[in-house]
Amino acid sequence: ARQFAELQLTARLNGWTEFVSMQNHYNLIYREEEREMNPYCLSSGVALQPWSPLARGILAGAYRGSLEGGTTDRSTGQDRARTESLYRGEMDFAIADRVIKLAEERDCRPAQIAIAWLLSKPGVTAPVVGVSKVQQLHQLVEACSIELSVEETTHLEELYRPVDNLL
């Protein structure tokens, strides 16, 4: 956040175009941006466009209980190494299990719950999603109409434990 603030100030002092959005790493199992970057962006009017909103499939149910539990070509293939490098939190799969369970209770997809949670966060305007099927994109658009209750949000968030910045 400090570096981003310096870039904004440099742009302002030189009459350059300032940033209007931040594409940061943010999702239910990686919430470190809540410490500094998200508050800075909110206070300075910068929109948030989180990347990896589904935690490379973990929050979409592509892994069941562990990285060894991959259920898609991507989650069992060479791409798994990138997922392993980004997601090492002790509660990642317990949180994902709560997303899956809530999706079952609401008769929707886990990815929709993960996106609905993200869209409920202040400043988030457009999560950067990756899909392999048009149907997945339609489902994620439907997530825009899902509103989570305070109790549901608390239940999804309460297991989170801070992690080191993995980047």
C-alpha atoms as a PDB file:
ATOM      1  CA  ALA A   1       0.000   0.000   0.000  1.00  0.00           C
ATOM      2  CA  ARG A   2       2.881   2.348   0.774  1.00  0.00           C
ATOM      3  CA  GLN A   3       4.361   1.861  -2.688  1.00  0.00           C
ATOM      4  CA  PHE A   4       0.993   2.375  -4.347  1.00  0.00           C
ATOM      5  CA  ALA A   5       0.428   5.565  -2.314  1.00  0.00           C
ATOM      6  CA  GLU A   6       3.845   6.820  -3.444  1.00  0.00           C
ATOM      7  CA  LEU A   7       2.933   6.138  -7.083  1.00  0.00           C
ATOM      8  CA  GLN A   8      -0.346   8.040  -6.662  1.00  0.00           C
ATOM      9  CA  LEU A   9       1.450  10.985  -5.079  1.00  0.00           C
ATOM     10  CA  THR A  10       4.115  11.006  -7.794  1.00  0.00           C
ATOM     11  CA  ALA A  11       1.415  11.073 -10.462  1.00  0.00           C
ATOM     12  CA  ARG A  12      -0.454  13.868  -8.666  1.00  0.00           C
ATOM     13  CA  LEU A  13       2.674  16.012  -8.165  1.00  0.00           C
ATOM     14  CA  ASN A  14       3.665  15.657 -11.810  1.00  0.00           C
ATOM     15  CA  GLY A  15       0.209  16.202 -13.266  1.00  0.00           C
ATOM     16  CA  TRP A  16       0.095  12.625 -14.566  1.00  0.00           C
ATOM     17  CA  THR A  17      -2.939  10.371 -14.699  1.00  0.00           C
ATOM     18  CA  GLU A  18      -3.565   8.744 -11.336  1.00  0.00           C
ATOM     19  CA  PHE A  19      -4.626   5.152 -10.904  1.00  0.00           C
ATOM     20  CA  VAL A  20      -8.381   4.634 -10.721  1.00  0.00           C
ATOM     21  CA  SER A  21      -8.309   0.919  -9.913  1.00  0.00           C
ATOM     22  CA  MET A  22      -6.184  -1.648  -8.130  1.00  0.00           C
ATOM     23  CA  GLN A  23      -6.030  -5.231  -9.330  1.00  0.00           C
ATOM     24  CA  ASN A  24      -5.064  -6.981  -6.117  1.00  0.00           C
ATOM     25  CA  HIS A  25      -5.017 -10.530  -4.784  1.00  0.00           C
ATOM     26  CA  TYR A  26      -8.145 -10.858  -2.662  1.00  0.00           C
ATOM     27  CA  ASN A  27     -10.609 -13.638  -1.907  1.00  0.00           C
ATOM     28  CA  LEU A  28     -12.103 -15.525   1.039  1.00  0.00           C
ATOM     29  CA  ILE A  29      -8.905 -17.475   1.720  1.00  0.00           C
ATOM     30  CA  TYR A  30      -6.425 -14.676   1.012  1.00  0.00           C
ATOM     31  CA  ARG A  31      -7.562 -11.529   2.788  1.00  0.00           C
ATOM     32  CA  GLU A  32      -4.278  -9.807   3.561  1.00  0.00           C
ATOM     33  CA  GLU A  33      -5.313  -6.839   1.419  1.00  0.00           C
ATOM     34  CA  GLU A  34      -7.820  -5.933   4.141  1.00  0.00           C
ATOM     35  CA  ARG A  35      -4.928  -4.729   6.306  1.00  0.00           C
ATOM     36  CA  GLU A  36      -3.644  -1.842   4.184  1.00  0.00           C
ATOM     37  CA  MET A  37      -4.386  -1.868   0.452  1.00  0.00           C
ATOM     38  CA  ASN A  38      -8.171  -2.061   0.559  1.00  0.00           C
ATOM     39  CA  PRO A  39      -8.502   0.689   3.193  1.00  0.00           C
ATOM     40  CA  TYR A  40      -6.101   2.926   1.264  1.00  0.00           C
ATOM     41  CA  CYS A  41      -7.993   2.384  -1.987  1.00  0.00           C
ATOM     42  CA  LEU A  42     -11.329   3.059  -0.291  1.00  0.00           C
ATOM     43  CA  SER A  43     -10.087   6.280   1.277  1.00  0.00           C
ATOM     44  CA  SER A  44      -8.576   7.519  -1.987  1.00  0.00           C
ATOM     45  CA  GLY A  45     -11.419   6.547  -4.339  1.00  0.00           C
ATOM     46  CA  VAL A  46      -9.578   3.730  -6.118  1.00  0.00           C
ATOM     47  CA  ALA A  47     -11.777   0.810  -7.223  1.00  0.00           C
ATOM     48  CA  LEU A  48     -10.786  -2.768  -6.363  1.00  0.00           C
ATOM     49  CA  GLN A  49     -10.675  -5.415  -9.105  1.00  0.00           C
ATOM     50  CA  PRO A  50      -9.448  -8.530  -7.281  1.00  0.00           C
ATOM     51  CA  TRP A  51      -7.673 -11.265  -9.192  1.00  0.00           C
ATOM     52  CA  SER A  52      -8.041 -14.937  -8.268  1.00  0.00           C
ATOM     53  CA  PRO A  53     -11.455 -14.373  -6.666  1.00  0.00           C
ATOM     54  CA  LEU A  54     -12.031 -18.148  -6.675  1.00  0.00           C
ATOM     55  CA  ALA A  55      -8.544 -18.940  -5.327  1.00  0.00           C
ATOM     56  CA  ARG A  56      -7.595 -20.819  -8.512  1.00  0.00           C
ATOM     57  CA  GLY A  57     -10.621 -23.087  -8.142  1.00  0.00           C
ATOM     58  CA  ILE A  58     -10.347 -23.865  -4.429  1.00  0.00           C
ATOM     59  CA  LEU A  59     -13.434 -21.748  -3.673  1.00  0.00           C
ATOM     60  CA  ALA A  60     -15.251 -23.185  -6.691  1.00  0.00           C
ATOM     61  CA  GLY A  61     -14.970 -26.718  -5.323  1.00  0.00           C
ATOM     62  CA  ALA A  62     -12.282 -27.927  -7.756  1.00  0.00           C
ATOM     63  CA  TYR A  63     -10.304 -29.299  -4.818  1.00  0.00           C
ATOM     64  CA  ARG A  64     -12.053 -31.335  -2.186  1.00  0.00           C
ATOM     65  CA  GLY A  65     -10.284 -31.017   1.132  1.00  0.00           C
ATOM     66  CA  SER A  66      -6.701 -30.639  -0.100  1.00  0.00           C
ATOM     67  CA  LEU A  67      -4.549 -29.862  -3.095  1.00  0.00           C
ATOM     68  CA  GLU A  68      -4.347 -33.613  -3.680  1.00  0.00           C
ATOM     69  CA  GLY A  69      -8.133 -33.688  -4.078  1.00  0.00           C
ATOM     70  CA  GLY A  70      -8.224 -31.967  -7.465  1.00  0.00           C
ATOM     71  CA  THR A  71     -11.283 -32.753  -9.580  1.00  0.00           C
ATOM     72  CA  THR A  72     -10.522 -30.839 -12.804  1.00  0.00           C
ATOM     73  CA  ASP A  73      -7.817 -31.033 -15.467  1.00  0.00           C
ATOM     74  CA  ARG A  74      -6.381 -27.765 -14.183  1.00  0.00           C
ATOM     75  CA  SER A  75      -6.388 -28.790 -10.528  1.00  0.00           C
ATOM     76  CA  THR A  76      -4.633 -32.091 -11.232  1.00  0.00           C
ATOM     77  CA  GLY A  77      -2.273 -30.868 -13.967  1.00  0.00           C
ATOM     78  CA  GLN A  78       0.843 -28.749 -14.141  1.00  0.00           C
ATOM     79  CA  ASP A  79      -1.105 -25.670 -13.080  1.00  0.00           C
ATOM     80  CA  ARG A  80      -1.411 -27.146  -9.599  1.00  0.00           C
ATOM     81  CA  ALA A  81       2.111 -25.991  -8.705  1.00  0.00           C
ATOM     82  CA  ARG A  82       1.037 -22.344  -9.101  1.00  0.00           C
ATOM     83  CA  THR A  83      -1.966 -22.979  -6.875  1.00  0.00           C
ATOM     84  CA  GLU A  84       0.283 -24.577  -4.252  1.00  0.00           C
ATOM     85  CA  SER A  85       2.580 -21.546  -4.305  1.00  0.00           C
ATOM     86  CA  LEU A  86      -0.283 -19.100  -3.715  1.00  0.00           C
ATOM     87  CA  TYR A  87      -2.469 -20.948  -1.218  1.00  0.00           C
ATOM     88  CA  ARG A  88      -0.817 -22.335   1.886  1.00  0.00           C
ATOM     89  CA  GLY A  89      -3.061 -21.014   4.625  1.00  0.00           C
ATOM     90  CA  GLU A  90      -3.890 -23.489   7.356  1.00  0.00           C
ATOM     91  CA  MET A  91      -7.649 -22.913   7.002  1.00  0.00           C
ATOM     92  CA  ASP A  92      -7.959 -22.693   3.198  1.00  0.00           C
ATOM     93  CA  PHE A  93      -9.873 -25.921   2.695  1.00  0.00           C
ATOM     94  CA  ALA A  94     -11.997 -25.556   5.820  1.00  0.00           C
ATOM     95  CA  ILE A  95     -13.137 -22.175   4.498  1.00  0.00           C
ATOM     96  CA  ALA A  96     -13.751 -23.688   1.046  1.00  0.00           C
ATOM     97  CA  ASP A  97     -15.838 -26.432   2.678  1.00  0.00           C
ATOM     98  CA  ARG A  98     -18.025 -23.752   4.263  1.00  0.00           C
ATOM     99  CA  VAL A  99     -18.475 -22.105   0.864  1.00  0.00           C
ATOM    100  CA  ILE A 100     -19.469 -25.460  -0.653  1.00  0.00           C
ATOM    101  CA  LYS A 101     -21.904 -26.201   2.174  1.00  0.00           C
ATOM    102  CA  LEU A 102     -23.538 -22.772   1.944  1.00  0.00           C
ATOM    103  CA  ALA A 103     -23.877 -23.177  -1.832  1.00  0.00           C
ATOM    104  CA  GLU A 104     -25.633 -26.500  -1.298  1.00  0.00           C
ATOM    105  CA  GLU A 105     -27.993 -24.893   1.242  1.00  0.00           C
ATOM    106  CA  ARG A 106     -28.783 -22.061  -1.185  1.00  0.00           C
ATOM    107  CA  ASP A 107     -29.009 -24.322  -4.233  1.00  0.00           C
ATOM    108  CA  CYS A 108     -26.287 -22.531  -6.152  1.00  0.00           C
ATOM    109  CA  ARG A 109     -22.625 -23.038  -7.082  1.00  0.00           C
ATOM    110  CA  PRO A 110     -19.723 -22.512  -4.659  1.00  0.00           C
ATOM    111  CA  ALA A 111     -18.174 -20.037  -7.117  1.00  0.00           C
ATOM    112  CA  GLN A 112     -21.324 -17.928  -6.875  1.00  0.00           C
ATOM    113  CA  ILE A 113     -21.040 -17.765  -3.084  1.00  0.00           C
ATOM    114  CA  ALA A 114     -17.354 -16.779  -3.293  1.00  0.00           C
ATOM    115  CA  ILE A 115     -18.130 -14.015  -5.798  1.00  0.00           C
ATOM    116  CA  ALA A 116     -21.170 -12.819  -3.832  1.00  0.00           C
ATOM    117  CA  TRP A 117     -18.956 -12.504  -0.735  1.00  0.00           C
ATOM    118  CA  LEU A 118     -16.355 -10.545  -2.675  1.00  0.00           C
ATOM    119  CA  LEU A 119     -18.936  -8.221  -4.227  1.00  0.00           C
ATOM    120  CA  SER A 120     -20.262  -7.444  -0.754  1.00  0.00           C
ATOM    121  CA  LYS A 121     -16.923  -5.921   0.220  1.00  0.00           C
ATOM    122  CA  PRO A 122     -16.561  -2.142   0.042  1.00  0.00           C
ATOM    123  CA  GLY A 123     -14.780  -0.866  -3.046  1.00  0.00           C
ATOM    124  CA  VAL A 124     -14.904  -4.126  -5.004  1.00  0.00           C
ATOM    125  CA  THR A 125     -16.237  -3.318  -8.449  1.00  0.00           C
ATOM    126  CA  ALA A 126     -15.206  -6.104 -10.819  1.00  0.00           C
ATOM    127  CA  PRO A 127     -13.512  -9.340  -9.772  1.00  0.00           C
ATOM    128  CA  VAL A 128     -11.183 -10.679 -12.462  1.00  0.00           C
ATOM    129  CA  VAL A 129     -12.474 -14.174 -13.176  1.00  0.00           C
ATOM    130  CA  GLY A 130     -11.245 -16.916 -15.445  1.00  0.00           C
ATOM    131  CA  VAL A 131     -13.653 -19.437 -16.885  1.00  0.00           C
ATOM    132  CA  SER A 132     -13.289 -22.393 -19.198  1.00  0.00           C
ATOM    133  CA  LYS A 133     -16.966 -22.618 -20.192  1.00  0.00           C
ATOM    134  CA  VAL A 134     -19.556 -20.008 -21.103  1.00  0.00           C
ATOM    135  CA  GLN A 135     -21.914 -21.582 -18.563  1.00  0.00           C
ATOM    136  CA  GLN A 136     -19.450 -20.707 -15.789  1.00  0.00           C
ATOM    137  CA  LEU A 137     -19.504 -17.062 -16.843  1.00  0.00           C
ATOM    138  CA  HIS A 138     -23.311 -17.015 -16.781  1.00  0.00           C
ATOM    139  CA  GLN A 139     -23.255 -18.524 -13.274  1.00  0.00           C
ATOM    140  CA  LEU A 140     -20.810 -15.885 -12.061  1.00  0.00           C
ATOM    141  CA  VAL A 141     -22.998 -13.121 -13.464  1.00  0.00           C
ATOM    142  CA  GLU A 142     -25.899 -14.600 -11.484  1.00  0.00           C
ATOM    143  CA  ALA A 143     -23.743 -14.240  -8.357  1.00  0.00           C
ATOM    144  CA  CYS A 144     -24.300 -10.478  -8.616  1.00  0.00           C
ATOM    145  CA  SER A 145     -27.859 -11.003  -7.376  1.00  0.00           C
ATOM    146  CA  ILE A 146     -26.923 -13.128  -4.350  1.00  0.00           C
ATOM    147  CA  GLU A 147     -26.947 -11.287  -1.046  1.00  0.00           C
ATOM    148  CA  LEU A 148     -25.390 -12.994   1.927  1.00  0.00           C
ATOM    149  CA  SER A 149     -26.755 -12.424   5.404  1.00  0.00           C
ATOM    150  CA  VAL A 150     -24.547 -11.086   8.183  1.00  0.00           C
ATOM    151  CA  GLU A 151     -24.625 -14.551   9.759  1.00  0.00           C
ATOM    152  CA  GLU A 152     -23.566 -16.242   6.508  1.00  0.00           C
ATOM    153  CA  THR A 153     -20.752 -13.758   5.982  1.00  0.00           C
ATOM    154  CA  THR A 154     -19.530 -14.192   9.555  1.00  0.00           C
ATOM    155  CA  HIS A 155     -19.622 -17.967   9.154  1.00  0.00           C
ATOM    156  CA  LEU A 156     -17.556 -17.784   5.950  1.00  0.00           C
ATOM    157  CA  GLU A 157     -15.022 -15.364   7.425  1.00  0.00           C
ATOM    158  CA  GLU A 158     -14.500 -16.612  10.969  1.00  0.00           C
ATOM    159  CA  LEU A 159     -11.952 -19.357  10.169  1.00  0.00           C
ATOM    160  CA  TYR A 160      -9.540 -17.047   8.364  1.00  0.00           C
ATOM    161  CA  ARG A 161      -6.046 -16.787   9.797  1.00  0.00           C
ATOM    162  CA  PRO A 162      -3.524 -14.177   8.563  1.00  0.00           C
ATOM    163  CA  VAL A 163      -0.788 -15.486   6.304  1.00  0.00           C
ATOM    164  CA  ASP A 164       2.486 -14.123   4.982  1.00  0.00           C
ATOM    165  CA  ASN A 165       2.322 -12.248   1.717  1.00  0.00           C
ATOM    166  CA  LEU A 166       2.996 -15.095  -0.679  1.00  0.00           C
ATOM    167  CA  LEU A 167       4.059 -12.849  -3.549  1.00  0.00           C
END
